[in-house]
Amino acid sequence: NRDVLEEVRKRLKKIDIDAILESGYVEQLIEDSYLSPFPQVQTTERPDKAAAAILEGRVVILIDTTPFALIVPATFVQFFQSPEDYYERWLIGSLTRFIRYIASYLAVFTPGLVVAAVAYHPGLIPTKLTLAIAASREGVPFPIVVEVLLMEAAFEFLREAGARLPQSIGQTIGIVGGLIIGDAAVRANVTSPLMVVMVALTAVASFAIPSYSLGIGFRMLRFPTIFLAATFGIYGVVLSFILINIHMVTLKTFGVNYLAPFTPYQFSDWKDLMFRLPWKTMVTRPVYTAPQDLVRQKVADSEEGDNEQS
């Protein structure tokens, strides 16, 4: 896409800084909205992923002294795609990608839904489960929202500490620390087993997202959702969902809608969206990237050739 290429050159020429030590400098200097929690530039150190982006009509920026390449424009759905989706059979790739979408919603909205259901709408929970939750929270001195925030904060501390420690002991500290703190908190009646399960579920769900930058954005959005749920109940969770979608609809990345091909709607690009259809059906490149050559492959010609040989 020559328009995107010219826009990239224009933004790169505007950069006037003492030194570029890492690709993150350039990413933050050329992105459209620095106030958004969502990444608008994709980073990768895999040559196959960079080559695939070029073949789809995107622009890849290589920076000296860093192994990471920048890919623009980067849409929301692009951060859920993994190269392994295309190397495995389409059923396996579609299943794993769909799981990532489910995990993203769980990572953002699960704590808020728990707060809203327990504090405001216990009638939405089955009776036996309500009694089990009430029994598990017996003796806990904090409201449900304080309990959720304490557990979420404790897990974030553990995750950050594990990332800063040497790799050989960082993962061990995170796992063992989580088990010890969770068990001790339940025994001391600081939190309930429900909260431990909920925090573990949201943590595992956030790890299922291939993009680290997008995962951090979801972790940030989790806390405003909890506060809205504590204030307005289930309506607060719905309000959070609406506000997040309004922001993403208005967001652009190098002139391309961030939610493309959801909006503007482009049916031909849905073959590689939440599900990846077989390679034989993906004969065109994504339309929203406006590539010079829209045709990716000519399946019909190859099939006719095979029939003639037979």
Protein backbone atom coordinates (compact mmCIF):
# COMPACT_ATOMS: atom_id res chain seq x y z
CA ASN A 1 0.00 0.00 0.00
CA ARG A 2 1.80 3.11 -1.24
CA ASP A 3 -0.36 5.46 0.84
CA VAL A 4 0.64 3.73 4.06
CA LEU A 5 4.27 3.62 2.90
CA GLU A 6 4.31 7.37 2.30
CA GLU A 7 2.66 8.00 5.67
CA VAL A 8 5.31 5.87 7.38
CA ARG A 9 8.10 7.81 5.68
CA LYS A 10 6.49 11.10 6.67
CA ARG A 11 6.22 10.12 10.34
CA LEU A 12 9.75 8.72 10.45
CA LYS A 13 11.14 11.96 9.03
CA LYS A 14 9.43 13.92 11.82
CA ILE A 15 11.35 12.01 14.52
CA ASP A 16 14.06 14.20 16.04
CA ILE A 17 15.55 12.52 19.10
CA ASP A 18 19.04 12.03 20.50
CA ALA A 19 19.11 8.25 20.06
CA ILE A 20 16.90 5.28 19.22
CA LEU A 21 17.92 2.55 21.64
CA GLU A 22 15.05 0.16 20.95
CA SER A 23 12.14 -0.27 18.56
CA GLY A 24 9.73 0.81 21.29
CA TYR A 25 10.96 4.39 20.85
CA VAL A 26 9.87 4.44 17.21
CA GLU A 27 6.62 2.63 17.97
CA GLN A 28 5.55 5.31 20.44
CA LEU A 29 6.68 8.17 18.21
CA ILE A 30 4.73 7.09 15.12
CA GLU A 31 1.52 5.66 16.63
CA ASP A 32 -1.75 7.52 16.06
CA SER A 33 -3.06 7.77 19.63
CA TYR A 34 -0.64 7.69 22.55
CA LEU A 35 -3.54 7.84 25.02
CA SER A 36 -5.03 4.53 23.90
CA PRO A 37 -4.36 1.36 25.94
CA PHE A 38 -4.38 -0.65 22.71
CA PRO A 39 -1.18 -1.10 20.66
CA GLN A 40 -1.38 0.34 17.15
CA VAL A 41 1.98 -0.99 15.93
CA GLN A 42 2.83 -4.68 16.00
CA THR A 43 6.31 -5.86 16.96
CA THR A 44 7.87 -9.17 16.00
CA GLU A 45 11.28 -10.82 15.87
CA ARG A 46 10.10 -13.65 13.61
CA PRO A 47 11.15 -13.36 9.94
CA ASP A 48 8.18 -15.43 8.76
CA LYS A 49 5.71 -13.09 10.45
CA ALA A 50 7.37 -10.01 8.96
CA ALA A 51 7.39 -11.59 5.49
CA ALA A 52 3.71 -12.53 5.81
CA ALA A 53 2.89 -8.93 6.75
CA ILE A 54 4.62 -7.63 3.62
CA LEU A 55 2.74 -10.14 1.48
CA GLU A 56 -0.54 -8.81 2.91
CA GLY A 57 0.28 -5.24 1.91
CA ARG A 58 1.60 -3.96 5.24
CA VAL A 59 4.81 -2.06 5.90
CA VAL A 60 7.65 -3.50 7.98
CA ILE A 61 10.12 -1.15 9.69
CA LEU A 62 13.58 -2.49 10.56
CA ILE A 63 15.62 -0.63 13.17
CA ASP A 64 19.34 -0.91 13.83
CA THR A 65 20.56 -2.35 17.19
CA THR A 66 17.27 -4.17 17.89
CA PRO A 67 16.00 -7.60 16.79
CA PHE A 68 12.38 -6.43 16.69
CA ALA A 69 10.63 -5.28 13.52
CA LEU A 70 7.59 -2.99 13.49
CA ILE A 71 4.53 -3.84 11.39
CA VAL A 72 1.99 -1.20 10.33
CA PRO A 73 -0.92 -0.82 10.04
CA ALA A 74 -1.76 -3.11 12.96
CA THR A 75 -5.45 -3.79 13.51
CA PHE A 76 -7.12 -5.34 16.56
CA VAL A 77 -7.65 -8.76 14.97
CA GLN A 78 -4.02 -8.92 13.90
CA PHE A 79 -2.88 -9.25 17.53
CA PHE A 80 -4.88 -12.47 17.90
CA GLN A 81 -3.23 -14.13 14.92
CA SER A 82 -0.22 -16.38 15.33
CA PRO A 83 2.00 -17.87 12.60
CA GLU A 84 1.19 -21.32 13.95
CA ASP A 85 -2.45 -20.78 12.94
CA TYR A 86 -1.40 -21.04 9.30
CA TYR A 87 1.07 -23.90 9.72
CA GLU A 88 -1.48 -26.27 11.28
CA ARG A 89 -4.64 -27.57 9.65
CA TRP A 90 -7.42 -25.02 9.48
CA LEU A 91 -9.63 -26.71 12.10
CA ILE A 92 -6.83 -26.63 14.68
CA GLY A 93 -5.87 -23.07 13.81
CA SER A 94 -9.48 -21.90 13.99
CA LEU A 95 -10.05 -23.53 17.37
CA THR A 96 -6.95 -22.03 18.98
CA ARG A 97 -7.74 -18.58 17.59
CA PHE A 98 -11.33 -18.71 18.83
CA ILE A 99 -10.03 -19.69 22.27
CA ARG A 100 -7.88 -16.54 22.27
CA TYR A 101 -10.91 -14.35 21.63
CA ILE A 102 -12.81 -16.01 24.48
CA ALA A 103 -9.76 -15.62 26.73
CA SER A 104 -9.56 -11.88 25.98
CA TYR A 105 -13.13 -11.32 27.17
CA LEU A 106 -12.53 -13.43 30.27
CA ALA A 107 -9.36 -11.47 31.08
CA VAL A 108 -11.19 -8.13 31.01
CA PHE A 109 -14.71 -8.82 32.25
CA THR A 110 -14.53 -11.82 34.61
CA PRO A 111 -13.65 -9.82 37.78
CA GLY A 112 -16.30 -7.21 37.01
CA LEU A 113 -18.95 -9.85 36.39
CA VAL A 114 -18.10 -11.57 39.69
CA VAL A 115 -18.35 -8.27 41.59
CA ALA A 116 -21.65 -7.35 39.91
CA ALA A 117 -23.21 -10.78 40.41
CA VAL A 118 -22.23 -11.18 44.07
CA ALA A 119 -22.84 -7.59 45.20
CA TYR A 120 -25.87 -6.56 43.12
CA HIS A 121 -27.43 -9.50 41.28
CA PRO A 122 -27.21 -12.70 43.35
CA GLY A 123 -30.50 -13.75 41.75
CA LEU A 124 -28.63 -14.33 38.47
CA ILE A 125 -26.55 -17.06 40.13
CA PRO A 126 -27.99 -20.57 40.64
CA THR A 127 -29.19 -21.13 44.20
CA LYS A 128 -26.71 -23.87 45.08
CA LEU A 129 -23.82 -21.82 43.74
CA THR A 130 -25.04 -18.76 45.67
CA LEU A 131 -25.06 -20.76 48.90
CA ALA A 132 -21.58 -22.10 48.15
CA ILE A 133 -20.25 -18.58 47.52
CA ALA A 134 -21.87 -17.27 50.70
CA ALA A 135 -20.37 -20.12 52.72
CA SER A 136 -16.90 -19.55 51.25
CA ARG A 137 -17.06 -15.80 52.04
CA GLU A 138 -18.17 -16.34 55.62
CA GLY A 139 -15.66 -14.64 57.88
CA VAL A 140 -14.12 -12.47 55.14
CA PRO A 141 -14.14 -8.90 56.55
CA PHE A 142 -13.96 -7.05 53.22
CA PRO A 143 -16.61 -6.20 50.63
CA ILE A 144 -16.40 -8.17 47.42
CA VAL A 145 -14.86 -5.28 45.45
CA VAL A 146 -12.06 -4.80 48.01
CA GLU A 147 -11.43 -8.53 48.01
CA VAL A 148 -11.14 -8.59 44.21
CA LEU A 149 -8.81 -5.58 44.12
CA LEU A 150 -6.56 -7.06 46.83
CA MET A 151 -6.19 -10.35 44.98
CA GLU A 152 -5.68 -8.68 41.60
CA ALA A 153 -3.03 -6.37 43.07
CA ALA A 154 -1.26 -9.28 44.79
CA PHE A 155 -1.13 -11.23 41.54
CA GLU A 156 0.19 -8.22 39.62
CA PHE A 157 2.95 -7.84 42.24
CA LEU A 158 3.89 -11.50 41.82
CA ARG A 159 3.85 -11.28 38.04
CA GLU A 160 6.04 -8.17 38.00
CA ALA A 161 8.45 -9.65 40.54
CA GLY A 162 8.74 -12.86 38.52
CA ALA A 163 9.51 -10.86 35.38
CA ARG A 164 12.32 -8.94 37.10
CA LEU A 165 13.99 -11.97 38.68
CA PRO A 166 16.41 -14.23 36.75
CA GLN A 167 14.55 -16.54 34.39
CA SER A 168 15.74 -19.66 36.21
CA ILE A 169 13.90 -18.69 39.41
CA GLY A 170 11.38 -16.11 38.18
CA GLN A 171 8.77 -18.65 37.06
CA THR A 172 9.27 -20.73 40.20
CA ILE A 173 8.78 -17.68 42.43
CA GLY A 174 5.62 -16.74 40.57
CA ILE A 175 4.04 -20.19 40.84
CA VAL A 176 5.14 -21.01 44.39
CA GLY A 177 4.45 -17.46 45.60
CA GLY A 178 0.96 -17.55 44.13
CA LEU A 179 0.17 -20.88 45.77
CA ILE A 180 1.53 -19.85 49.16
CA ILE A 181 -0.08 -16.40 49.21
CA GLY A 182 -3.41 -17.74 47.94
CA ASP A 183 -3.54 -20.53 50.50
CA ALA A 184 -2.44 -18.23 53.33
CA ALA A 185 -5.01 -15.58 52.36
CA VAL A 186 -7.83 -18.15 52.39
CA ARG A 187 -6.73 -19.59 55.74
CA ALA A 188 -6.51 -16.09 57.25
CA ASN A 189 -10.01 -15.23 55.97
CA VAL A 190 -8.59 -12.34 53.96
CA THR A 191 -10.15 -13.72 50.80
CA SER A 192 -12.38 -16.57 49.70
CA PRO A 193 -11.53 -19.57 47.49
CA LEU A 194 -13.80 -18.06 44.82
CA MET A 195 -11.48 -15.07 44.47
CA VAL A 196 -8.42 -17.29 44.14
CA VAL A 197 -10.09 -19.26 41.35
CA MET A 198 -11.26 -16.06 39.65
CA VAL A 199 -7.82 -14.42 39.74
CA ALA A 200 -6.18 -17.60 38.45
CA LEU A 201 -8.72 -17.80 35.61
CA THR A 202 -8.16 -14.20 34.52
CA ALA A 203 -4.38 -14.64 34.73
CA VAL A 204 -4.40 -17.76 32.56
CA ALA A 205 -6.77 -16.06 30.11
CA SER A 206 -4.46 -13.05 29.77
CA PHE A 207 -1.50 -15.35 29.03
CA ALA A 208 -3.44 -16.93 26.14
CA ILE A 209 -3.22 -13.69 24.12
CA PRO A 210 -0.25 -13.89 21.68
CA SER A 211 0.57 -10.16 21.89
CA TYR A 212 2.22 -9.00 25.11
CA SER A 213 1.28 -5.37 24.43
CA LEU A 214 -2.39 -6.21 23.95
CA GLY A 215 -2.34 -8.38 27.09
CA ILE A 216 -1.08 -5.43 29.14
CA GLY A 217 -3.86 -3.27 27.71
CA PHE A 218 -6.46 -5.80 28.79
CA ARG A 219 -4.91 -5.95 32.27
CA MET A 220 -5.28 -2.17 32.54
CA LEU A 221 -8.91 -2.21 31.39
CA ARG A 222 -9.76 -4.83 34.00
CA PHE A 223 -9.55 -2.32 36.87
CA PRO A 224 -11.92 0.37 35.44
CA THR A 225 -14.37 -2.46 34.70
CA ILE A 226 -14.20 -3.57 38.35
CA PHE A 227 -14.91 -0.02 39.59
CA LEU A 228 -17.84 0.39 37.19
CA ALA A 229 -19.24 -2.99 38.26
CA ALA A 230 -18.89 -2.03 41.94
CA THR A 231 -20.79 1.21 41.25
CA PHE A 232 -23.51 0.19 38.79
CA GLY A 233 -23.60 -3.60 38.96
CA ILE A 234 -24.11 -5.50 35.72
CA TYR A 235 -24.94 -2.21 34.02
CA GLY A 236 -21.41 -1.05 34.82
CA VAL A 237 -19.96 -4.08 33.03
CA VAL A 238 -22.15 -3.37 30.01
CA LEU A 239 -21.12 0.30 30.14
CA SER A 240 -17.45 -0.72 30.20
CA PHE A 241 -17.98 -2.98 27.18
CA ILE A 242 -19.73 -0.18 25.27
CA LEU A 243 -17.06 2.41 26.09
CA ILE A 244 -14.24 0.08 25.06
CA ASN A 245 -15.96 -0.65 21.74
CA ILE A 246 -16.66 3.05 21.10
CA HIS A 247 -12.99 3.80 21.64
CA MET A 248 -11.85 1.03 19.29
CA VAL A 249 -14.34 2.04 16.59
CA THR A 250 -12.99 5.61 16.58
CA LEU A 251 -9.35 4.49 16.66
CA LYS A 252 -7.30 4.42 13.47
CA THR A 253 -3.85 3.11 12.66
CA PHE A 254 -2.16 4.75 9.67
CA GLY A 255 -5.51 5.57 8.12
CA VAL A 256 -6.97 2.07 8.62
CA ASN A 257 -9.84 1.46 11.03
CA TYR A 258 -8.57 -0.37 14.11
CA LEU A 259 -11.51 -2.80 14.07
CA ALA A 260 -11.21 -3.65 10.37
CA PRO A 261 -12.64 -5.85 8.92
CA PHE A 262 -15.38 -5.78 11.59
CA THR A 263 -15.95 -2.16 10.65
CA PRO A 264 -16.09 -1.21 7.88
CA TYR A 265 -17.68 -4.56 7.11
CA GLN A 266 -15.77 -6.58 4.51
CA PHE A 267 -17.11 -10.12 4.13
CA SER A 268 -14.18 -11.42 2.06
CA ASP A 269 -11.78 -10.68 4.95
CA TRP A 270 -13.85 -12.72 7.41
CA LYS A 271 -12.21 -15.88 6.07
CA ASP A 272 -9.23 -15.08 8.28
CA LEU A 273 -10.88 -13.41 11.26
CA MET A 274 -12.13 -15.27 14.34
CA PHE A 275 -11.75 -18.51 12.38
CA ARG A 276 -9.19 -19.38 9.72
CA LEU A 277 -10.78 -21.09 6.76
CA PRO A 278 -8.81 -23.52 4.54
CA TRP A 279 -6.02 -22.08 2.42
CA LYS A 280 -7.89 -22.90 -0.79
CA THR A 281 -10.64 -20.43 0.16
CA MET A 282 -8.28 -17.54 0.96
CA VAL A 283 -7.55 -16.54 -2.63
CA THR A 284 -7.32 -12.80 -1.91
CA ARG A 285 -5.31 -10.64 0.44
CA PRO A 286 -7.04 -8.48 3.09
CA VAL A 287 -8.98 -5.72 1.35
CA TYR A 288 -8.60 -3.21 4.20
CA THR A 289 -4.81 -3.08 3.72
CA ALA A 290 -5.38 -1.98 0.09
CA PRO A 291 -2.57 -4.06 -1.49
CA GLN A 292 -1.53 -3.39 -5.08
CA ASP A 293 -2.17 -7.02 -6.02
CA LEU A 294 -5.32 -8.29 -4.33
CA VAL A 295 -4.99 -11.87 -5.59
CA ARG A 296 -3.03 -14.14 -3.26
CA GLN A 297 -3.33 -17.41 -5.18
CA LYS A 298 -5.09 -18.89 -8.19
CA VAL A 299 -6.59 -22.11 -6.93
CA ALA A 300 -8.97 -22.58 -9.87
CA ASP A 301 -6.15 -22.60 -12.46
CA SER A 302 -4.14 -25.18 -10.53
CA GLU A 303 -7.17 -27.44 -10.16
CA GLU A 304 -7.88 -27.25 -13.90
CA GLY A 305 -4.26 -28.16 -14.61
CA ASP A 306 -4.50 -31.19 -12.33
CA ASN A 307 -7.67 -32.33 -14.10
CA GLU A 308 -6.01 -32.04 -17.52
CA GLN A 309 -3.00 -34.08 -16.39
CA SER A 310 -5.26 -36.79 -15.02
